[in-house]
Amino acid sequence: MTLGLQVASLADPAPKLCATADWALLSKEMFYKAQLITLDRAIEAITLAYFAIPIWSFTMTLVKTSIVLTLLRLPLKRAWAVVLYVVLGLQVSYFIANTIYLFAKCRPYHAAWDFRVAVRHCPSEQTDVIVSSIGSAINIGTDLLLSIAPVFILWNLRRPLRERVLICSLTSIGLFATFASIMKAVVIAEWTDTEDRWSTAISIATWTVTEQFVSILAACSPSLKKPIEKVLDKLGFPLVEQDPNISFVHMPSRMRERDLRRQAREWMGDEETQNASDTTSGMGKHDEESLGEKAVSTSTSTSGSSGSSSNAIHKDA
């Protein structure tokens, strides 16, 4: 049983490429000093920023899916597994629903990002703010849960205290992504009341990019354990006092196999399997004792017959 916390799906560069593409699209509306903006530049920036929204949602879905699938590889209690599946379903459902809303809310559809369309049928700005607030609540909730869940799950591992503290600290980086999501939600809520909407849009774009890249960093953070462990060993603060090769990420497959299976059965609540295993192991011990007794009796009888033969030889002599 492997307990390595490795984000296999993040080996594919899709989330990183999507986050980079989203930043490239949003960068067109970011101005770092006061200046005049031409109409063509404004139209281009607004269009690109609108198409950056589904890319952001897709990126966050990929990152959270990778974290959920990674945690599901651990021997979890059934309640934790159910919670993780609910989070995964909620995130995927939000991505699909948000994408449909973005491209189906206006008639004609391109009026959603092209303000030059004179005749349009679109929801009010207040409706957009409400929809965005619902999405922000979902993202904040899933961010917070996926940042805290690894701490509770990994803390119960039978590993040294220093190693557990390091792993939980690395996985808690996701709390910074949660903070970015909260700040973005606060700025979005002020959209209808602000006087300088372009400045507000820049703030939203900044927190959006921060949320994406910090989330990717949090998902990849367990891979930093090995280099940090080597640095701490050189400084005289080893995480594992016995064998440094036996760590959370690298564990021999045969070592503690029976103990890990028993622990997994306890976490899964499979008492019948555990009792059956105990019975089997008890029968094995009984068989070993029987074989040992037979071996002893055989050796005794053999030595007895040998002794009789020796006595007979001495008498003949």
Protein backbone atom coordinates (compact mmCIF):
# COMPACT_ATOMS: atom_id res chain seq x y z
CA MET A 1 0.00 0.00 0.00
CA THR A 2 1.50 3.29 -1.07
CA LEU A 3 0.85 6.41 0.99
CA GLY A 4 2.78 8.77 -1.25
CA LEU A 5 1.06 12.11 -1.68
CA GLN A 6 1.93 12.70 -5.31
CA VAL A 7 -0.31 14.73 -7.59
CA ALA A 8 -0.20 12.52 -10.64
CA SER A 9 -2.68 14.49 -12.65
CA LEU A 10 -0.63 17.64 -12.19
CA ALA A 11 2.24 16.00 -14.05
CA ASP A 12 0.23 17.01 -17.09
CA PRO A 13 0.86 20.73 -17.68
CA ALA A 14 -2.80 21.51 -18.43
CA PRO A 15 -3.56 23.48 -15.22
CA LYS A 16 -0.36 25.49 -15.49
CA LEU A 17 -0.92 26.27 -19.15
CA CYS A 18 -4.52 27.30 -18.48
CA ALA A 19 -3.48 29.56 -15.59
CA THR A 20 -0.79 31.15 -17.76
CA ALA A 21 -3.26 31.66 -20.61
CA ASP A 22 -5.75 33.23 -18.21
CA TRP A 23 -3.09 35.63 -16.95
CA ALA A 24 -2.19 36.54 -20.55
CA LEU A 25 -5.82 37.35 -21.34
CA LEU A 26 -6.31 39.43 -18.20
CA SER A 27 -3.05 41.32 -18.67
CA LYS A 28 -4.59 43.30 -21.51
CA GLU A 29 -6.83 45.20 -19.08
CA MET A 30 -4.13 45.82 -16.46
CA PHE A 31 -2.65 49.31 -16.53
CA TYR A 32 -0.16 50.23 -13.84
CA LYS A 33 -0.36 54.00 -14.29
CA ALA A 34 -2.99 56.52 -15.30
CA GLN A 35 -3.31 56.85 -19.09
CA LEU A 36 -5.78 57.29 -21.89
CA ILE A 37 -7.28 54.09 -23.28
CA THR A 38 -8.41 53.98 -26.91
CA LEU A 39 -11.77 52.48 -27.81
CA ASP A 40 -10.19 49.63 -29.76
CA ARG A 41 -7.93 48.76 -26.81
CA ALA A 42 -10.91 48.85 -24.43
CA ILE A 43 -12.96 46.55 -26.67
CA GLU A 44 -10.05 44.11 -26.96
CA ALA A 45 -9.40 44.11 -23.20
CA ILE A 46 -13.07 43.57 -22.30
CA THR A 47 -13.45 40.74 -24.82
CA LEU A 48 -10.33 38.92 -23.66
CA ALA A 49 -11.22 39.39 -20.00
CA TYR A 50 -14.66 37.86 -20.61
CA PHE A 51 -13.17 34.75 -22.23
CA ALA A 52 -10.72 34.50 -19.31
CA ILE A 53 -13.62 33.70 -16.95
CA PRO A 54 -14.33 30.14 -18.23
CA ILE A 55 -10.59 29.48 -18.45
CA TRP A 56 -10.24 30.45 -14.79
CA SER A 57 -13.12 28.14 -13.86
CA PHE A 58 -11.59 25.28 -15.87
CA THR A 59 -8.19 25.79 -14.23
CA MET A 60 -9.61 25.72 -10.71
CA THR A 61 -11.63 22.60 -11.58
CA LEU A 62 -8.49 20.81 -12.79
CA VAL A 63 -6.50 21.77 -9.69
CA LYS A 64 -9.20 20.75 -7.22
CA THR A 65 -9.88 17.52 -9.10
CA SER A 66 -6.21 16.60 -8.85
CA ILE A 67 -6.18 17.28 -5.10
CA VAL A 68 -9.34 15.22 -4.53
CA LEU A 69 -8.07 12.26 -6.56
CA THR A 70 -4.77 12.39 -4.68
CA LEU A 71 -6.47 12.32 -1.28
CA LEU A 72 -8.70 9.45 -2.38
CA ARG A 73 -5.57 7.32 -2.80
CA LEU A 74 -5.08 7.37 0.97
CA PRO A 75 -6.81 4.88 3.32
CA LEU A 76 -9.67 7.18 4.30
CA LYS A 77 -12.75 6.78 6.42
CA ARG A 78 -15.92 6.43 4.39
CA ALA A 79 -17.18 9.83 5.54
CA TRP A 80 -14.07 11.59 4.21
CA ALA A 81 -14.39 9.78 0.87
CA VAL A 82 -18.03 10.87 0.55
CA VAL A 83 -17.10 14.49 1.34
CA LEU A 84 -14.35 14.49 -1.28
CA TYR A 85 -16.66 13.06 -3.94
CA VAL A 86 -19.26 15.72 -3.10
CA VAL A 87 -16.63 18.45 -3.46
CA LEU A 88 -15.55 17.02 -6.81
CA GLY A 89 -19.12 16.83 -8.11
CA LEU A 90 -19.91 20.34 -6.88
CA GLN A 91 -16.84 21.84 -8.54
CA VAL A 92 -17.45 20.12 -11.90
CA SER A 93 -21.14 21.09 -11.81
CA TYR A 94 -20.26 24.72 -11.11
CA PHE A 95 -17.82 24.81 -14.02
CA ILE A 96 -20.43 23.46 -16.45
CA ALA A 97 -23.25 25.69 -15.18
CA ASN A 98 -21.08 28.83 -15.11
CA THR A 99 -19.84 28.25 -18.67
CA ILE A 100 -23.39 27.77 -19.95
CA TYR A 101 -24.56 30.94 -18.21
CA LEU A 102 -21.71 33.03 -19.60
CA PHE A 103 -22.43 32.18 -23.23
CA ALA A 104 -26.22 31.81 -23.09
CA LYS A 105 -27.31 34.76 -20.98
CA CYS A 106 -27.56 37.31 -23.82
CA ARG A 107 -29.34 37.52 -27.14
CA PRO A 108 -27.41 37.85 -29.36
CA TYR A 109 -24.79 35.86 -27.45
CA HIS A 110 -21.87 38.14 -28.36
CA ALA A 111 -23.61 41.06 -26.67
CA ALA A 112 -22.30 39.68 -23.39
CA TRP A 113 -18.81 41.03 -24.16
CA ASP A 114 -19.43 43.50 -27.01
CA PHE A 115 -20.97 46.68 -25.61
CA ARG A 116 -21.33 48.10 -29.13
CA VAL A 117 -24.41 45.91 -29.74
CA ALA A 118 -27.36 48.28 -29.54
CA VAL A 119 -30.26 45.82 -29.36
CA ARG A 120 -29.63 43.22 -26.65
CA HIS A 121 -31.48 41.09 -24.13
CA CYS A 122 -29.25 40.37 -21.13
CA PRO A 123 -29.76 39.91 -17.37
CA SER A 124 -29.25 42.92 -15.16
CA GLU A 125 -25.89 43.69 -13.59
CA GLN A 126 -27.36 42.83 -10.19
CA THR A 127 -28.15 39.34 -11.49
CA ASP A 128 -24.57 38.96 -12.68
CA VAL A 129 -23.31 39.98 -9.24
CA ILE A 130 -25.60 37.42 -7.55
CA VAL A 131 -24.45 34.63 -9.88
CA SER A 132 -20.84 35.61 -9.31
CA SER A 133 -21.38 35.67 -5.53
CA ILE A 134 -22.79 32.15 -5.62
CA GLY A 135 -19.76 30.99 -7.57
CA SER A 136 -17.45 32.75 -5.12
CA ALA A 137 -19.15 31.02 -2.19
CA ILE A 138 -18.68 27.62 -3.84
CA ASN A 139 -15.03 28.34 -4.59
CA ILE A 140 -14.30 29.65 -1.10
CA GLY A 141 -15.99 26.63 0.48
CA THR A 142 -14.15 24.09 -1.66
CA ASP A 143 -10.84 25.94 -1.26
CA LEU A 144 -11.19 25.98 2.50
CA LEU A 145 -12.23 22.34 2.71
CA LEU A 146 -9.44 21.08 0.46
CA SER A 147 -6.93 23.14 2.46
CA ILE A 148 -8.01 21.82 5.85
CA ALA A 149 -8.93 18.23 4.94
CA PRO A 150 -5.33 17.08 4.30
CA VAL A 151 -4.32 18.34 7.74
CA PHE A 152 -6.89 16.14 9.51
CA ILE A 153 -6.24 13.18 7.21
CA LEU A 154 -2.44 13.24 7.27
CA TRP A 155 -2.11 14.04 10.96
CA ASN A 156 -3.33 10.53 11.86
CA LEU A 157 -0.49 8.86 9.99
CA ARG A 158 2.00 6.92 12.10
CA ARG A 159 4.92 9.15 11.24
CA PRO A 160 7.28 11.26 13.37
CA LEU A 161 5.86 14.52 14.69
CA ARG A 162 8.30 16.69 12.73
CA GLU A 163 7.37 15.01 9.47
CA ARG A 164 3.64 15.40 10.09
CA VAL A 165 4.10 19.08 10.94
CA LEU A 166 6.03 19.66 7.71
CA ILE A 167 3.47 17.85 5.52
CA CYS A 168 0.52 19.63 7.11
CA SER A 169 2.28 23.00 6.76
CA LEU A 170 2.87 22.41 3.06
CA THR A 171 -0.71 21.36 2.38
CA SER A 172 -2.00 24.41 4.30
CA ILE A 173 -0.65 26.71 1.58
CA GLY A 174 -4.10 26.41 0.03
CA LEU A 175 -5.40 28.75 2.74
CA PHE A 176 -3.71 31.62 0.86
CA ALA A 177 -5.78 30.68 -2.20
CA THR A 178 -8.87 30.82 0.01
CA PHE A 179 -7.86 34.31 1.15
CA ALA A 180 -7.49 35.40 -2.50
CA SER A 181 -10.96 34.03 -3.28
CA ILE A 182 -12.45 35.97 -0.37
CA MET A 183 -10.79 39.22 -1.45
CA LYS A 184 -12.02 38.74 -5.02
CA ALA A 185 -15.57 38.14 -3.79
CA VAL A 186 -15.43 41.36 -1.74
CA VAL A 187 -14.30 43.37 -4.77
CA ILE A 188 -16.97 41.81 -7.03
CA ALA A 189 -19.68 42.71 -4.53
CA GLU A 190 -18.71 46.39 -4.96
CA TRP A 191 -18.98 46.27 -8.77
CA THR A 192 -22.35 48.00 -9.11
CA ASP A 193 -21.48 50.77 -6.64
CA THR A 194 -17.99 51.68 -7.81
CA GLU A 195 -17.27 54.80 -9.84
CA ASP A 196 -14.07 53.55 -11.48
CA ARG A 197 -14.99 50.15 -12.89
CA TRP A 198 -11.76 49.77 -14.77
CA SER A 199 -9.79 49.97 -11.53
CA THR A 200 -12.17 47.46 -9.96
CA ALA A 201 -11.69 45.13 -12.92
CA ILE A 202 -7.91 45.31 -12.44
CA SER A 203 -8.33 44.34 -8.77
CA ILE A 204 -10.56 41.39 -9.73
CA ALA A 205 -8.03 40.25 -12.33
CA THR A 206 -5.17 40.48 -9.82
CA TRP A 207 -6.91 38.34 -7.21
CA THR A 208 -8.03 35.89 -9.90
CA VAL A 209 -4.48 35.28 -11.10
CA THR A 210 -3.22 35.05 -7.51
CA GLU A 211 -5.88 32.47 -6.66
CA GLN A 212 -4.95 30.26 -9.60
CA PHE A 213 -1.19 30.19 -9.13
CA VAL A 214 -1.37 29.79 -5.35
CA SER A 215 -3.80 26.88 -5.81
CA ILE A 216 -1.37 25.19 -8.19
CA LEU A 217 1.45 25.77 -5.70
CA ALA A 218 -0.64 24.26 -2.90
CA ALA A 219 -1.46 21.20 -5.02
CA CYS A 220 2.21 20.65 -5.83
CA SER A 221 3.49 21.49 -2.32
CA PRO A 222 3.90 17.87 -1.10
CA SER A 223 6.64 17.40 -3.69
CA LEU A 224 8.69 19.97 -1.76
CA LYS A 225 8.94 17.64 1.24
CA LYS A 226 11.97 15.71 -0.02
CA PRO A 227 14.25 18.73 -0.72
CA ILE A 228 13.16 20.40 2.54
CA GLU A 229 13.88 17.17 4.38
CA LYS A 230 17.41 17.05 2.92
CA VAL A 231 18.07 20.65 3.94
CA LEU A 232 16.85 20.00 7.48
CA ASP A 233 19.04 16.89 7.69
CA LYS A 234 22.10 18.94 6.77
CA LEU A 235 21.18 21.53 9.40
CA GLY A 236 20.94 18.83 12.05
CA PHE A 237 17.12 18.61 12.29
CA PRO A 238 16.24 15.21 10.77
CA LEU A 239 12.59 14.42 10.29
CA VAL A 240 13.14 10.68 10.67
CA GLU A 241 15.67 9.57 13.26
CA GLN A 242 16.07 5.99 11.98
CA ASP A 243 16.39 5.43 8.25
CA PRO A 244 16.10 8.63 6.16
CA ASN A 245 14.96 6.58 3.17
CA ILE A 246 11.81 5.56 5.05
CA SER A 247 9.68 8.64 4.74
CA PHE A 248 6.14 9.66 3.96
CA VAL A 249 6.71 9.74 0.23
CA HIS A 250 9.09 6.78 -0.12
CA MET A 251 8.13 3.66 1.86
CA PRO A 252 9.20 0.08 1.07
CA SER A 253 6.18 -1.86 -0.13
CA ARG A 254 6.82 -4.88 2.12
CA MET A 255 7.57 -2.91 5.26
CA ARG A 256 4.71 -2.67 7.75
CA GLU A 257 2.40 -4.22 5.17
CA ARG A 258 0.35 -6.17 7.71
CA ASP A 259 0.14 -3.16 10.01
CA LEU A 260 -1.01 -0.87 7.18
CA ARG A 261 -3.67 -3.34 6.10
CA ARG A 262 -4.99 -3.62 9.63
CA GLN A 263 -5.00 0.17 9.96
CA ALA A 264 -6.86 0.55 6.65
CA ARG A 265 -9.49 -1.98 7.79
CA GLU A 266 -9.96 -0.07 11.03
CA TRP A 267 -10.41 3.22 9.17
CA MET A 268 -12.85 1.64 6.69
CA GLY A 269 -14.77 -0.03 9.53
CA ASP A 270 -14.38 -3.51 8.02
CA GLU A 271 -14.50 -5.48 11.27
CA GLU A 272 -15.49 -8.78 9.64
CA THR A 273 -12.44 -8.73 7.37
CA GLN A 274 -10.26 -7.86 10.33
CA ASN A 275 -11.67 -10.74 12.43
CA ALA A 276 -11.23 -13.14 9.54
CA SER A 277 -7.65 -12.01 9.13
CA ASP A 278 -7.01 -12.44 12.85
CA THR A 279 -8.54 -15.93 12.72
CA THR A 280 -6.39 -16.82 9.75
CA SER A 281 -3.26 -15.55 11.45
CA GLY A 282 -4.24 -17.47 14.60
CA MET A 283 -4.66 -20.66 12.58
CA GLY A 284 -1.30 -20.02 11.03
CA LYS A 285 0.33 -19.71 14.42
CA HIS A 286 -1.45 -22.93 15.58
CA ASP A 287 -0.20 -24.76 12.49
CA GLU A 288 3.31 -23.51 13.12
CA GLU A 289 3.14 -24.73 16.73
CA SER A 290 1.82 -28.14 15.58
CA LEU A 291 4.57 -28.45 13.03
CA GLY A 292 7.09 -27.48 15.70
CA GLU A 293 5.78 -30.13 18.08
CA LYS A 294 5.90 -32.74 15.33
CA ALA A 295 9.44 -31.76 14.50
CA VAL A 296 10.46 -32.05 18.14
CA SER A 297 8.80 -35.45 18.57
CA THR A 298 10.39 -36.71 15.35
CA SER A 299 13.82 -35.54 16.38
CA THR A 300 13.32 -37.13 19.83
CA SER A 301 12.30 -40.47 18.38
CA THR A 302 15.18 -40.32 15.95
CA SER A 303 17.69 -39.60 18.65
CA GLY A 304 16.11 -42.36 20.79
CA SER A 305 16.46 -44.93 18.04
CA SER A 306 20.01 -43.80 17.45
CA GLY A 307 20.77 -44.26 21.11
CA SER A 308 19.32 -47.79 21.09
CA SER A 309 21.38 -48.70 18.08
CA SER A 310 24.52 -47.42 19.80
CA ASN A 311 23.79 -49.47 22.93
CA ALA A 312 23.25 -52.60 20.85
CA ILE A 313 26.54 -52.08 19.10
CA HIS A 314 28.36 -51.66 22.41
CA LYS A 315 26.80 -54.85 23.81
CA ASP A 316 27.84 -56.83 20.71
CA ALA A 317 31.34 -55.50 21.07
